[in-house]
C-alpha atoms as a PDB file:
ATOM      1  CA  MET A   1     -83.665 -69.900 -11.415  1.00  0.00           C
ATOM      2  CA  ASP A   2     -80.849 -69.048  -8.357  1.00  0.00           C
ATOM      3  CA  ILE A   3     -81.744 -72.579  -6.855  1.00  0.00           C
ATOM      4  CA  ARG A   4     -81.678 -74.638  -9.910  1.00  0.00           C
ATOM      5  CA  THR A   5     -78.674 -72.226 -10.878  1.00  0.00           C
ATOM      6  CA  LEU A   6     -76.787 -72.776  -7.344  1.00  0.00           C
ATOM      7  CA  ALA A   7     -77.334 -76.605  -7.387  1.00  0.00           C
ATOM      8  CA  ARG A   8     -75.929 -76.911 -11.144  1.00  0.00           C
ATOM      9  CA  ILE A   9     -72.853 -75.094  -9.553  1.00  0.00           C
ATOM     10  CA  GLU A  10     -72.961 -77.156  -6.606  1.00  0.00           C
ATOM     11  CA  ALA A  11     -72.935 -80.323  -8.906  1.00  0.00           C
ATOM     12  CA  ARG A  12     -70.112 -79.237 -11.207  1.00  0.00           C
ATOM     13  CA  ILE A  13     -67.699 -78.277  -8.700  1.00  0.00           C
ATOM     14  CA  LEU A  14     -68.312 -81.976  -7.150  1.00  0.00           C
ATOM     15  CA  GLN A  15     -68.092 -83.803 -10.370  1.00  0.00           C
ATOM     16  CA  ALA A  16     -64.935 -81.711 -11.052  1.00  0.00           C
ATOM     17  CA  ILE A  17     -63.155 -82.860  -7.727  1.00  0.00           C
ATOM     18  CA  GLU A  18     -64.416 -86.486  -8.548  1.00  0.00           C
ATOM     19  CA  ALA A  19     -62.986 -85.943 -11.996  1.00  0.00           C
ATOM     20  CA  LEU A  20     -59.601 -84.746 -10.135  1.00  0.00           C
ATOM     21  CA  ASP A  21     -59.566 -87.742  -8.002  1.00  0.00           C
ATOM     22  CA  ARG A  22     -59.547 -89.648 -11.220  1.00  0.00           C
ATOM     23  CA  GLY A  23     -56.835 -87.970 -12.921  1.00  0.00           C
ATOM     24  CA  GLN A  24     -58.945 -86.603 -15.378  1.00  0.00           C
ATOM     25  CA  VAL A  25     -57.614 -82.694 -15.547  1.00  0.00           C
ATOM     26  CA  LYS A  26     -59.217 -81.847 -18.278  1.00  0.00           C
ATOM     27  CA  ALA A  27     -62.725 -83.299 -17.809  1.00  0.00           C
ATOM     28  CA  ALA A  28     -62.749 -80.938 -14.183  1.00  0.00           C
ATOM     29  CA  LYS A  29     -61.334 -77.898 -16.112  1.00  0.00           C
ATOM     30  CA  ALA A  30     -64.608 -78.052 -18.178  1.00  0.00           C
ATOM     31  CA  LEU A  31     -66.718 -78.752 -15.198  1.00  0.00           C
ATOM     32  CA  LEU A  32     -64.955 -75.701 -13.548  1.00  0.00           C
ATOM     33  CA  VAL A  33     -65.509 -73.600 -16.600  1.00  0.00           C
ATOM     34  CA  ASP A  34     -69.171 -74.448 -16.595  1.00  0.00           C
ATOM     35  CA  ALA A  35     -69.538 -73.686 -13.093  1.00  0.00           C
ATOM     36  CA  ASP A  36     -67.617 -70.439 -13.312  1.00  0.00           C
ATOM     37  CA  ILE A  37     -70.489 -69.587 -16.198  1.00  0.00           C
ATOM     38  CA  ALA A  38     -73.504 -70.740 -14.300  1.00  0.00           C
ATOM     39  CA  PHE A  39     -72.105 -68.360 -11.518  1.00  0.00           C
ATOM     40  CA  ARG A  40     -71.450 -65.379 -13.517  1.00  0.00           C
ATOM     41  CA  GLU A  41     -74.876 -65.996 -15.094  1.00  0.00           C
ATOM     42  CA  LEU A  42     -76.478 -65.834 -11.950  1.00  0.00           C
ATOM     43  CA  VAL A  43     -74.934 -62.659 -10.388  1.00  0.00           C
ATOM     44  CA  ASP A  44     -75.793 -60.954 -13.838  1.00  0.00           C
ATOM     45  CA  GLU A  45     -79.543 -61.784 -13.120  1.00  0.00           C
ATOM     46  CA  LEU A  46     -79.153 -60.645  -9.417  1.00  0.00           C
ATOM     47  CA  PHE A  47     -77.584 -57.434 -10.457  1.00  0.00           C
ATOM     48  CA  LEU A  48     -80.459 -57.085 -13.024  1.00  0.00           C
ATOM     49  CA  ARG A  49     -83.077 -57.394 -10.192  1.00  0.00           C
ATOM     50  CA  GLY A  50     -81.047 -54.575  -8.026  1.00  0.00           C
ATOM     51  CA  GLU A  51     -80.093 -57.374  -5.591  1.00  0.00           C
ATOM     52  CA  VAL A  52     -76.238 -57.386  -6.411  1.00  0.00           C
ATOM     53  CA  GLU A  53     -74.221 -54.187  -6.239  1.00  0.00           C
ATOM     54  CA  GLU A  54     -72.067 -52.456  -8.842  1.00  0.00           C
ATOM     55  CA  GLU A  55     -69.318 -52.611  -6.379  1.00  0.00           C
ATOM     56  CA  PHE A  56     -69.294 -56.611  -6.405  1.00  0.00           C
ATOM     57  CA  LEU A  57     -69.342 -56.651 -10.162  1.00  0.00           C
ATOM     58  CA  ASP A  58     -66.258 -54.314  -9.999  1.00  0.00           C
ATOM     59  CA  GLN A  59     -64.406 -56.558  -7.850  1.00  0.00           C
ATOM     60  CA  GLY A  60     -65.202 -59.670 -10.171  1.00  0.00           C
ATOM     61  CA  ALA A  61     -63.983 -57.738 -13.303  1.00  0.00           C
ATOM     62  CA  ALA A  62     -60.700 -57.012 -11.819  1.00  0.00           C
ATOM     63  CA  ARG A  63     -59.505 -60.476 -11.642  1.00  0.00           C
END
């Protein structure tokens, strides 16, 4: 899942940039929200597998 999720995140970010170039701010925001959700899911999965330290999660929660 890691590679597919990274590809999904990358695609959504690139689509958001293209949407911004077209002046479609709401569409860009929706795409970035989707990328953010996918990133958080990936981090959660990596944490459960022991590949991400809890300190990393704490930094994200502080934002």
